[in-house]
Amino acid sequence: MEPDEEPVRIPITDVFDLHTVQPKEVEAVVEAYLEEADRLGLKSLRIIHGRGIGVQRAIVRAVLARTPFVLSYRDAPPEAGGWGATLVTLR
């Protein structure tokens, strides 16, 4: 990022698609997304990480597992992305 370039602000909703996130940034971006979603009072989220070989899914699940305000997470049903997306419940 250029020194005088502002960071891109992404509106926080209950669905977050990681397809536009660089792989090396996934962990930090998911952490920031979860914190902001919690701050906004969202309770149910869907994080779309894609199917691929499962690397992004594993990163997302590792972040979810260590985040204290995440109550649960699971694969989305087939109509919502199946194992290419994770449904998350926040406290």
PDB file of N, CA and C in Angstrom:
ATOM      1  N   MET A   1       0.849  -1.170   0.000  1.00  0.00           N
ATOM      2  CA  MET A   1       0.000   0.000   0.000  1.00  0.00           C
ATOM      3  C   MET A   1       0.898   1.237   0.000  1.00  0.00           C
ATOM      4  N   GLU A   2       0.544   2.198  -0.800  1.00  0.00           N
ATOM      5  CA  GLU A   2       1.288   3.452  -0.871  1.00  0.00           C
ATOM      6  C   GLU A   2       1.089   4.231   0.434  1.00  0.00           C
ATOM      7  N   PRO A   3       2.069   5.025   0.847  1.00  0.00           N
ATOM      8  CA  PRO A   3       1.980   5.746   2.121  1.00  0.00           C
ATOM      9  C   PRO A   3       0.745   6.628   2.272  1.00  0.00           C
ATOM     10  N   ASP A   4       0.315   7.294   1.197  1.00  0.00           N
ATOM     11  CA  ASP A   4      -0.833   8.187   1.313  1.00  0.00           C
ATOM     12  C   ASP A   4      -2.129   7.524   0.840  1.00  0.00           C
ATOM     13  N   GLU A   5      -2.105   6.229   0.673  1.00  0.00           N
ATOM     14  CA  GLU A   5      -3.283   5.499   0.222  1.00  0.00           C
ATOM     15  C   GLU A   5      -4.094   5.055   1.438  1.00  0.00           C
ATOM     16  N   GLU A   6      -5.385   5.348   1.420  1.00  0.00           N
ATOM     17  CA  GLU A   6      -6.259   4.964   2.518  1.00  0.00           C
ATOM     18  C   GLU A   6      -6.598   3.477   2.412  1.00  0.00           C
ATOM     19  N   PRO A   7      -6.730   2.783   3.549  1.00  0.00           N
ATOM     20  CA  PRO A   7      -7.164   1.386   3.476  1.00  0.00           C
ATOM     21  C   PRO A   7      -8.599   1.310   2.960  1.00  0.00           C
ATOM     22  N   VAL A   8      -8.897   0.243   2.288  1.00  0.00           N
ATOM     23  CA  VAL A   8     -10.246   0.057   1.753  1.00  0.00           C
ATOM     24  C   VAL A   8     -11.162  -0.354   2.898  1.00  0.00           C
ATOM     25  N   ARG A   9     -12.262   0.339   3.033  1.00  0.00           N
ATOM     26  CA  ARG A   9     -13.248   0.013   4.067  1.00  0.00           C
ATOM     27  C   ARG A   9     -14.267  -0.947   3.473  1.00  0.00           C
ATOM     28  N   ILE A  10     -14.453  -2.074   4.120  1.00  0.00           N
ATOM     29  CA  ILE A  10     -15.403  -3.076   3.642  1.00  0.00           C
ATOM     30  C   ILE A  10     -16.577  -3.099   4.611  1.00  0.00           C
ATOM     31  N   PRO A  11     -17.812  -2.941   4.108  1.00  0.00           N
ATOM     32  CA  PRO A  11     -18.950  -2.992   5.026  1.00  0.00           C
ATOM     33  C   PRO A  11     -19.050  -4.387   5.658  1.00  0.00           C
ATOM     34  N   ILE A  12     -19.320  -4.416   6.945  1.00  0.00           N
ATOM     35  CA  ILE A  12     -19.420  -5.682   7.663  1.00  0.00           C
ATOM     36  C   ILE A  12     -20.863  -6.159   7.622  1.00  0.00           C
ATOM     37  N   THR A  13     -21.057  -7.338   7.029  1.00  0.00           N
ATOM     38  CA  THR A  13     -22.374  -7.963   6.996  1.00  0.00           C
ATOM     39  C   THR A  13     -22.219  -9.375   7.559  1.00  0.00           C
ATOM     40  N   ASP A  14     -23.310 -10.143   7.519  1.00  0.00           N
ATOM     41  CA  ASP A  14     -23.254 -11.502   8.059  1.00  0.00           C
ATOM     42  C   ASP A  14     -22.636 -12.503   7.080  1.00  0.00           C
ATOM     43  N   VAL A  15     -22.274 -12.055   5.879  1.00  0.00           N
ATOM     44  CA  VAL A  15     -21.601 -12.926   4.906  1.00  0.00           C
ATOM     45  C   VAL A  15     -20.284 -12.279   4.513  1.00  0.00           C
ATOM     46  N   PHE A  16     -19.210 -13.076   4.569  1.00  0.00           N
ATOM     47  CA  PHE A  16     -17.886 -12.569   4.212  1.00  0.00           C
ATOM     48  C   PHE A  16     -17.245 -13.531   3.226  1.00  0.00           C
ATOM     49  N   ASP A  17     -16.974 -13.048   2.034  1.00  0.00           N
ATOM     50  CA  ASP A  17     -16.383 -13.865   0.969  1.00  0.00           C
ATOM     51  C   ASP A  17     -14.886 -13.584   0.914  1.00  0.00           C
ATOM     52  N   LEU A  18     -14.090 -14.609   1.174  1.00  0.00           N
ATOM     53  CA  LEU A  18     -12.636 -14.456   1.219  1.00  0.00           C
ATOM     54  C   LEU A  18     -11.965 -14.539  -0.145  1.00  0.00           C
ATOM     55  N   HIS A  19     -12.735 -14.716  -1.209  1.00  0.00           N
ATOM     56  CA  HIS A  19     -12.128 -14.877  -2.531  1.00  0.00           C
ATOM     57  C   HIS A  19     -11.284 -13.675  -2.960  1.00  0.00           C
ATOM     58  N   THR A  20     -11.556 -12.503  -2.411  1.00  0.00           N
ATOM     59  CA  THR A  20     -10.801 -11.312  -2.803  1.00  0.00           C
ATOM     60  C   THR A  20      -9.610 -11.040  -1.877  1.00  0.00           C
ATOM     61  N   VAL A  21      -9.430 -11.879  -0.863  1.00  0.00           N
ATOM     62  CA  VAL A  21      -8.366 -11.677   0.131  1.00  0.00           C
ATOM     63  C   VAL A  21      -7.130 -12.485  -0.261  1.00  0.00           C
ATOM     64  N   GLN A  22      -5.978 -11.857  -0.204  1.00  0.00           N
ATOM     65  CA  GLN A  22      -4.721 -12.547  -0.488  1.00  0.00           C
ATOM     66  C   GLN A  22      -4.524 -13.658   0.545  1.00  0.00           C
ATOM     67  N   PRO A  23      -4.078 -14.849   0.125  1.00  0.00           N
ATOM     68  CA  PRO A  23      -3.915 -15.967   1.070  1.00  0.00           C
ATOM     69  C   PRO A  23      -3.100 -15.619   2.319  1.00  0.00           C
ATOM     70  N   LYS A  24      -2.051 -14.839   2.168  1.00  0.00           N
ATOM     71  CA  LYS A  24      -1.219 -14.510   3.330  1.00  0.00           C
ATOM     72  C   LYS A  24      -1.927 -13.572   4.306  1.00  0.00           C
ATOM     73  N   GLU A  25      -3.035 -12.967   3.887  1.00  0.00           N
ATOM     74  CA  GLU A  25      -3.766 -12.030   4.732  1.00  0.00           C
ATOM     75  C   GLU A  25      -5.013 -12.633   5.366  1.00  0.00           C
ATOM     76  N   VAL A  26      -5.351 -13.874   4.994  1.00  0.00           N
ATOM     77  CA  VAL A  26      -6.615 -14.475   5.439  1.00  0.00           C
ATOM     78  C   VAL A  26      -6.743 -14.486   6.957  1.00  0.00           C
ATOM     79  N   GLU A  27      -5.711 -14.948   7.647  1.00  0.00           N
ATOM     80  CA  GLU A  27      -5.791 -15.065   9.106  1.00  0.00           C
ATOM     81  C   GLU A  27      -6.094 -13.719   9.759  1.00  0.00           C
ATOM     82  N   ALA A  28      -5.333 -12.695   9.440  1.00  0.00           N
ATOM     83  CA  ALA A  28      -5.526 -11.370  10.047  1.00  0.00           C
ATOM     84  C   ALA A  28      -6.867 -10.767   9.658  1.00  0.00           C
ATOM     85  N   VAL A  29      -7.286 -10.959   8.418  1.00  0.00           N
ATOM     86  CA  VAL A  29      -8.550 -10.389   7.947  1.00  0.00           C
ATOM     87  C   VAL A  29      -9.730 -11.070   8.643  1.00  0.00           C
ATOM     88  N   VAL A  30      -9.670 -12.381   8.801  1.00  0.00           N
ATOM     89  CA  VAL A  30     -10.755 -13.097   9.483  1.00  0.00           C
ATOM     90  C   VAL A  30     -10.820 -12.670  10.953  1.00  0.00           C
ATOM     91  N   GLU A  31      -9.674 -12.525  11.602  1.00  0.00           N
ATOM     92  CA  GLU A  31      -9.657 -12.056  12.998  1.00  0.00           C
ATOM     93  C   GLU A  31     -10.332 -10.689  13.108  1.00  0.00           C
ATOM     94  N   ALA A  32      -9.969  -9.766  12.219  1.00  0.00           N
ATOM     95  CA  ALA A  32     -10.544  -8.419  12.248  1.00  0.00           C
ATOM     96  C   ALA A  32     -12.044  -8.461  11.939  1.00  0.00           C
ATOM     97  N   TYR A  33     -12.443  -9.296  10.977  1.00  0.00           N
ATOM     98  CA  TYR A  33     -13.867  -9.429  10.626  1.00  0.00           C
ATOM     99  C   TYR A  33     -14.668  -9.920  11.828  1.00  0.00           C
ATOM    100  N   LEU A  34     -14.172 -10.951  12.506  1.00  0.00           N
ATOM    101  CA  LEU A  34     -14.888 -11.495  13.661  1.00  0.00           C
ATOM    102  C   LEU A  34     -15.025 -10.460  14.770  1.00  0.00           C
ATOM    103  N   GLU A  35     -13.960  -9.725  15.037  1.00  0.00           N
ATOM    104  CA  GLU A  35     -14.019  -8.686  16.077  1.00  0.00           C
ATOM    105  C   GLU A  35     -15.062  -7.626  15.742  1.00  0.00           C
ATOM    106  N   GLU A  36     -15.082  -7.200  14.484  1.00  0.00           N
ATOM    107  CA  GLU A  36     -16.038  -6.166  14.079  1.00  0.00           C
ATOM    108  C   GLU A  36     -17.469  -6.710  14.072  1.00  0.00           C
ATOM    109  N   ALA A  37     -17.658  -7.939  13.611  1.00  0.00           N
ATOM    110  CA  ALA A  37     -18.989  -8.555  13.615  1.00  0.00           C
ATOM    111  C   ALA A  37     -19.512  -8.666  15.046  1.00  0.00           C
ATOM    112  N   ASP A  38     -18.641  -9.055  15.966  1.00  0.00           N
ATOM    113  CA  ASP A  38     -19.022  -9.152  17.380  1.00  0.00           C
ATOM    114  C   ASP A  38     -19.373  -7.772  17.927  1.00  0.00           C
ATOM    115  N   ARG A  39     -18.556  -6.788  17.596  1.00  0.00           N
ATOM    116  CA  ARG A  39     -18.806  -5.418  18.065  1.00  0.00           C
ATOM    117  C   ARG A  39     -20.157  -4.898  17.569  1.00  0.00           C
ATOM    118  N   LEU A  40     -20.523  -5.282  16.348  1.00  0.00           N
ATOM    119  CA  LEU A  40     -21.791  -4.848  15.759  1.00  0.00           C
ATOM    120  C   LEU A  40     -22.986  -5.656  16.257  1.00  0.00           C
ATOM    121  N   GLY A  41     -22.727  -6.708  17.029  1.00  0.00           N
ATOM    122  CA  GLY A  41     -23.811  -7.508  17.582  1.00  0.00           C
ATOM    123  C   GLY A  41     -24.333  -8.596  16.657  1.00  0.00           C
ATOM    124  N   LEU A  42     -23.598  -8.901  15.588  1.00  0.00           N
ATOM    125  CA  LEU A  42     -24.036  -9.982  14.705  1.00  0.00           C
ATOM    126  C   LEU A  42     -23.888 -11.310  15.434  1.00  0.00           C
ATOM    127  N   LYS A  43     -24.821 -12.232  15.213  1.00  0.00           N
ATOM    128  CA  LYS A  43     -24.800 -13.521  15.915  1.00  0.00           C
ATOM    129  C   LYS A  43     -24.543 -14.697  14.992  1.00  0.00           C
ATOM    130  N   SER A  44     -24.978 -14.603  13.749  1.00  0.00           N
ATOM    131  CA  SER A  44     -24.813 -15.693  12.790  1.00  0.00           C
ATOM    132  C   SER A  44     -24.082 -15.172  11.568  1.00  0.00           C
ATOM    133  N   LEU A  45     -22.997 -15.857  11.206  1.00  0.00           N
ATOM    134  CA  LEU A  45     -22.171 -15.424  10.087  1.00  0.00           C
ATOM    135  C   LEU A  45     -21.980 -16.574   9.105  1.00  0.00           C
ATOM    136  N   ARG A  46     -21.661 -16.222   7.861  1.00  0.00           N
ATOM    137  CA  ARG A  46     -21.232 -17.221   6.882  1.00  0.00           C
ATOM    138  C   ARG A  46     -19.942 -16.699   6.263  1.00  0.00           C
ATOM    139  N   ILE A  47     -18.878 -17.476   6.429  1.00  0.00           N
ATOM    140  CA  ILE A  47     -17.583 -17.119   5.846  1.00  0.00           C
ATOM    141  C   ILE A  47     -17.352 -18.039   4.657  1.00  0.00           C
ATOM    142  N   ILE A  48     -17.238 -17.444   3.474  1.00  0.00           N
ATOM    143  CA  ILE A  48     -17.043 -18.213   2.243  1.00  0.00           C
ATOM    144  C   ILE A  48     -15.542 -18.275   1.963  1.00  0.00           C
ATOM    145  N   HIS A  49     -14.981 -19.470   2.046  1.00  0.00           N
ATOM    146  CA  HIS A  49     -13.545 -19.640   1.833  1.00  0.00           C
ATOM    147  C   HIS A  49     -13.246 -20.443   0.586  1.00  0.00           C
ATOM    148  N   GLY A  50     -14.260 -21.016  -0.030  1.00  0.00           N
ATOM    149  CA  GLY A  50     -14.063 -21.814  -1.234  1.00  0.00           C
ATOM    150  C   GLY A  50     -13.684 -23.246  -0.894  1.00  0.00           C
ATOM    151  N   ARG A  51     -13.758 -24.104  -1.893  1.00  0.00           N
ATOM    152  CA  ARG A  51     -13.477 -25.515  -1.664  1.00  0.00           C
ATOM    153  C   ARG A  51     -11.997 -25.810  -1.835  1.00  0.00           C
ATOM    154  N   GLY A  52     -11.433 -25.600  -2.989  1.00  0.00           N
ATOM    155  CA  GLY A  52     -10.000 -25.801  -3.211  1.00  0.00           C
ATOM    156  C   GLY A  52      -9.469 -27.054  -2.551  1.00  0.00           C
ATOM    157  N   ILE A  53      -8.273 -26.942  -1.983  1.00  0.00           N
ATOM    158  CA  ILE A  53      -7.679 -28.084  -1.292  1.00  0.00           C
ATOM    159  C   ILE A  53      -7.827 -27.961   0.222  1.00  0.00           C
ATOM    160  N   GLY A  54      -8.543 -26.947   0.674  1.00  0.00           N
ATOM    161  CA  GLY A  54      -8.869 -26.828   2.090  1.00  0.00           C
ATOM    162  C   GLY A  54      -7.940 -25.971   2.927  1.00  0.00           C
ATOM    163  N   VAL A  55      -6.989 -25.285   2.294  1.00  0.00           N
ATOM    164  CA  VAL A  55      -6.033 -24.484   3.063  1.00  0.00           C
ATOM    165  C   VAL A  55      -6.744 -23.306   3.741  1.00  0.00           C
ATOM    166  N   GLN A  56      -7.522 -22.547   2.993  1.00  0.00           N
ATOM    167  CA  GLN A  56      -8.208 -21.387   3.586  1.00  0.00           C
ATOM    168  C   GLN A  56      -9.213 -21.841   4.634  1.00  0.00           C
ATOM    169  N   ARG A  57      -9.907 -22.951   4.368  1.00  0.00           N
ATOM    170  CA  ARG A  57     -10.862 -23.490   5.338  1.00  0.00           C
ATOM    171  C   ARG A  57     -10.139 -23.791   6.645  1.00  0.00           C
ATOM    172  N   ALA A  58      -8.963 -24.407   6.569  1.00  0.00           N
ATOM    173  CA  ALA A  58      -8.195 -24.746   7.765  1.00  0.00           C
ATOM    174  C   ALA A  58      -7.764 -23.485   8.521  1.00  0.00           C
ATOM    175  N   ILE A  59      -7.354 -22.457   7.800  1.00  0.00           N
ATOM    176  CA  ILE A  59      -6.955 -21.198   8.444  1.00  0.00           C
ATOM    177  C   ILE A  59      -8.159 -20.582   9.155  1.00  0.00           C
ATOM    178  N   VAL A  60      -9.300 -20.523   8.455  1.00  0.00           N
ATOM    179  CA  VAL A  60     -10.520 -19.957   9.044  1.00  0.00           C
ATOM    180  C   VAL A  60     -10.895 -20.727  10.305  1.00  0.00           C
ATOM    181  N   ARG A  61     -10.881 -22.056  10.226  1.00  0.00           N
ATOM    182  CA  ARG A  61     -11.269 -22.891  11.378  1.00  0.00           C
ATOM    183  C   ARG A  61     -10.302 -22.713  12.549  1.00  0.00           C
ATOM    184  N   ALA A  62      -9.012 -22.529  12.280  1.00  0.00           N
ATOM    185  CA  ALA A  62      -8.040 -22.304  13.355  1.00  0.00           C
ATOM    186  C   ALA A  62      -8.337 -20.991  14.080  1.00  0.00           C
ATOM    187  N   VAL A  63      -8.662 -19.956  13.316  1.00  0.00           N
ATOM    188  CA  VAL A  63      -9.005 -18.663  13.926  1.00  0.00           C
ATOM    189  C   VAL A  63     -10.283 -18.810  14.756  1.00  0.00           C
ATOM    190  N   LEU A  64     -11.291 -19.476  14.205  1.00  0.00           N
ATOM    191  CA  LEU A  64     -12.553 -19.660  14.924  1.00  0.00           C
ATOM    192  C   LEU A  64     -12.336 -20.428  16.222  1.00  0.00           C
ATOM    193  N   ALA A  65     -11.502 -21.464  16.180  1.00  0.00           N
ATOM    194  CA  ALA A  65     -11.275 -22.310  17.351  1.00  0.00           C
ATOM    195  C   ALA A  65     -10.637 -21.539  18.510  1.00  0.00           C
ATOM    196  N   ARG A  66      -9.861 -20.513  18.215  1.00  0.00           N
ATOM    197  CA  ARG A  66      -9.186 -19.773  19.286  1.00  0.00           C
ATOM    198  C   ARG A  66      -9.864 -18.444  19.630  1.00  0.00           C
ATOM    199  N   THR A  67     -11.000 -18.160  19.019  1.00  0.00           N
ATOM    200  CA  THR A  67     -11.706 -16.901  19.274  1.00  0.00           C
ATOM    201  C   THR A  67     -12.733 -17.127  20.378  1.00  0.00           C
ATOM    202  N   PRO A  68     -12.571 -16.479  21.535  1.00  0.00           N
ATOM    203  CA  PRO A  68     -13.409 -16.783  22.698  1.00  0.00           C
ATOM    204  C   PRO A  68     -14.907 -16.537  22.513  1.00  0.00           C
ATOM    205  N   PHE A  69     -15.289 -15.586  21.680  1.00  0.00           N
ATOM    206  CA  PHE A  69     -16.720 -15.281  21.531  1.00  0.00           C
ATOM    207  C   PHE A  69     -17.390 -16.077  20.413  1.00  0.00           C
ATOM    208  N   VAL A  70     -16.684 -17.022  19.810  1.00  0.00           N
ATOM    209  CA  VAL A  70     -17.295 -17.930  18.829  1.00  0.00           C
ATOM    210  C   VAL A  70     -17.889 -19.110  19.600  1.00  0.00           C
ATOM    211  N   LEU A  71     -19.208 -19.270  19.500  1.00  0.00           N
ATOM    212  CA  LEU A  71     -19.880 -20.374  20.192  1.00  0.00           C
ATOM    213  C   LEU A  71     -19.732 -21.679  19.424  1.00  0.00           C
ATOM    214  N   SER A  72     -19.914 -21.614  18.092  1.00  0.00           N
ATOM    215  CA  SER A  72     -19.830 -22.831  17.289  1.00  0.00           C
ATOM    216  C   SER A  72     -19.594 -22.472  15.834  1.00  0.00           C
ATOM    217  N   TYR A  73     -19.187 -23.485  15.068  1.00  0.00           N
ATOM    218  CA  TYR A  73     -19.035 -23.329  13.621  1.00  0.00           C
ATOM    219  C   TYR A  73     -19.174 -24.693  12.977  1.00  0.00           C
ATOM    220  N   ARG A  74     -19.628 -24.660  11.712  1.00  0.00           N
ATOM    221  CA  ARG A  74     -19.848 -25.911  10.977  1.00  0.00           C
ATOM    222  C   ARG A  74     -19.896 -25.621   9.488  1.00  0.00           C
ATOM    223  N   ASP A  75     -19.794 -26.685   8.690  1.00  0.00           N
ATOM    224  CA  ASP A  75     -19.958 -26.527   7.242  1.00  0.00           C
ATOM    225  C   ASP A  75     -21.351 -25.987   6.951  1.00  0.00           C
ATOM    226  N   ALA A  76     -21.434 -25.159   5.931  1.00  0.00           N
ATOM    227  CA  ALA A  76     -22.729 -24.647   5.491  1.00  0.00           C
ATOM    228  C   ALA A  76     -23.500 -25.778   4.804  1.00  0.00           C
ATOM    229  N   PRO A  77     -24.842 -25.694   4.781  1.00  0.00           N
ATOM    230  CA  PRO A  77     -25.604 -26.689   4.015  1.00  0.00           C
ATOM    231  C   PRO A  77     -25.287 -26.525   2.525  1.00  0.00           C
ATOM    232  N   PRO A  78     -25.559 -27.558   1.725  1.00  0.00           N
ATOM    233  CA  PRO A  78     -25.209 -27.502   0.294  1.00  0.00           C
ATOM    234  C   PRO A  78     -25.701 -26.242  -0.420  1.00  0.00           C
ATOM    235  N   GLU A  79     -26.905 -25.780  -0.116  1.00  0.00           N
ATOM    236  CA  GLU A  79     -27.457 -24.608  -0.812  1.00  0.00           C
ATOM    237  C   GLU A  79     -26.773 -23.301  -0.399  1.00  0.00           C
ATOM    238  N   ALA A  80     -25.955 -23.340   0.662  1.00  0.00           N
ATOM    239  CA  ALA A  80     -25.260 -22.136   1.125  1.00  0.00           C
ATOM    240  C   ALA A  80     -23.743 -22.263   0.963  1.00  0.00           C
ATOM    241  N   GLY A  81     -23.303 -23.227   0.163  1.00  0.00           N
ATOM    242  CA  GLY A  81     -21.874 -23.343  -0.108  1.00  0.00           C
ATOM    243  C   GLY A  81     -21.230 -24.649   0.327  1.00  0.00           C
ATOM    244  N   GLY A  82     -21.974 -25.467   1.099  1.00  0.00           N
ATOM    245  CA  GLY A  82     -21.416 -26.744   1.539  1.00  0.00           C
ATOM    246  C   GLY A  82     -20.095 -26.540   2.260  1.00  0.00           C
ATOM    247  N   TRP A  83     -19.140 -27.425   2.011  1.00  0.00           N
ATOM    248  CA  TRP A  83     -17.851 -27.310   2.712  1.00  0.00           C
ATOM    249  C   TRP A  83     -16.983 -26.176   2.173  1.00  0.00           C
ATOM    250  N   GLY A  84     -17.495 -25.395   1.222  1.00  0.00           N
ATOM    251  CA  GLY A  84     -16.792 -24.211   0.746  1.00  0.00           C
ATOM    252  C   GLY A  84     -17.121 -22.967   1.556  1.00  0.00           C
ATOM    253  N   ALA A  85     -17.971 -23.147   2.579  1.00  0.00           N
ATOM    254  CA  ALA A  85     -18.344 -22.037   3.462  1.00  0.00           C
ATOM    255  C   ALA A  85     -18.516 -22.575   4.877  1.00  0.00           C
ATOM    256  N   THR A  86     -18.309 -21.710   5.851  1.00  0.00           N
ATOM    257  CA  THR A  86     -18.450 -22.093   7.247  1.00  0.00           C
ATOM    258  C   THR A  86     -19.484 -21.180   7.890  1.00  0.00           C
ATOM    259  N   LEU A  87     -20.451 -21.794   8.571  1.00  0.00           N
ATOM    260  CA  LEU A  87     -21.437 -21.041   9.348  1.00  0.00           C
ATOM    261  C   LEU A  87     -20.900 -20.879  10.759  1.00  0.00           C
ATOM    262  N   VAL A  88     -21.020 -19.669  11.290  1.00  0.00           N
ATOM    263  CA  VAL A  88     -20.439 -19.347  12.583  1.00  0.00           C
ATOM    264  C   VAL A  88     -21.551 -18.759  13.479  1.00  0.00           C
ATOM    265  N   THR A  89     -21.567 -19.172  14.743  1.00  0.00           N
ATOM    266  CA  THR A  89     -22.467 -18.587  15.727  1.00  0.00           C
ATOM    267  C   THR A  89     -21.629 -17.883  16.786  1.00  0.00           C
ATOM    268  N   LEU A  90     -21.910 -16.604  16.975  1.00  0.00           N
ATOM    269  CA  LEU A  90     -21.217 -15.810  18.003  1.00  0.00           C
ATOM    270  C   LEU A  90     -22.077 -15.724  19.255  1.00  0.00           C
ATOM    271  N   ARG A  91     -21.422 -15.485  20.387  1.00  0.00           N
ATOM    272  CA  ARG A  91     -22.177 -15.375  21.639  1.00  0.00           C
ATOM    273  C   ARG A  91     -22.989 -14.092  21.672  1.00  0.00           C
TER     274      ARG A  91
END
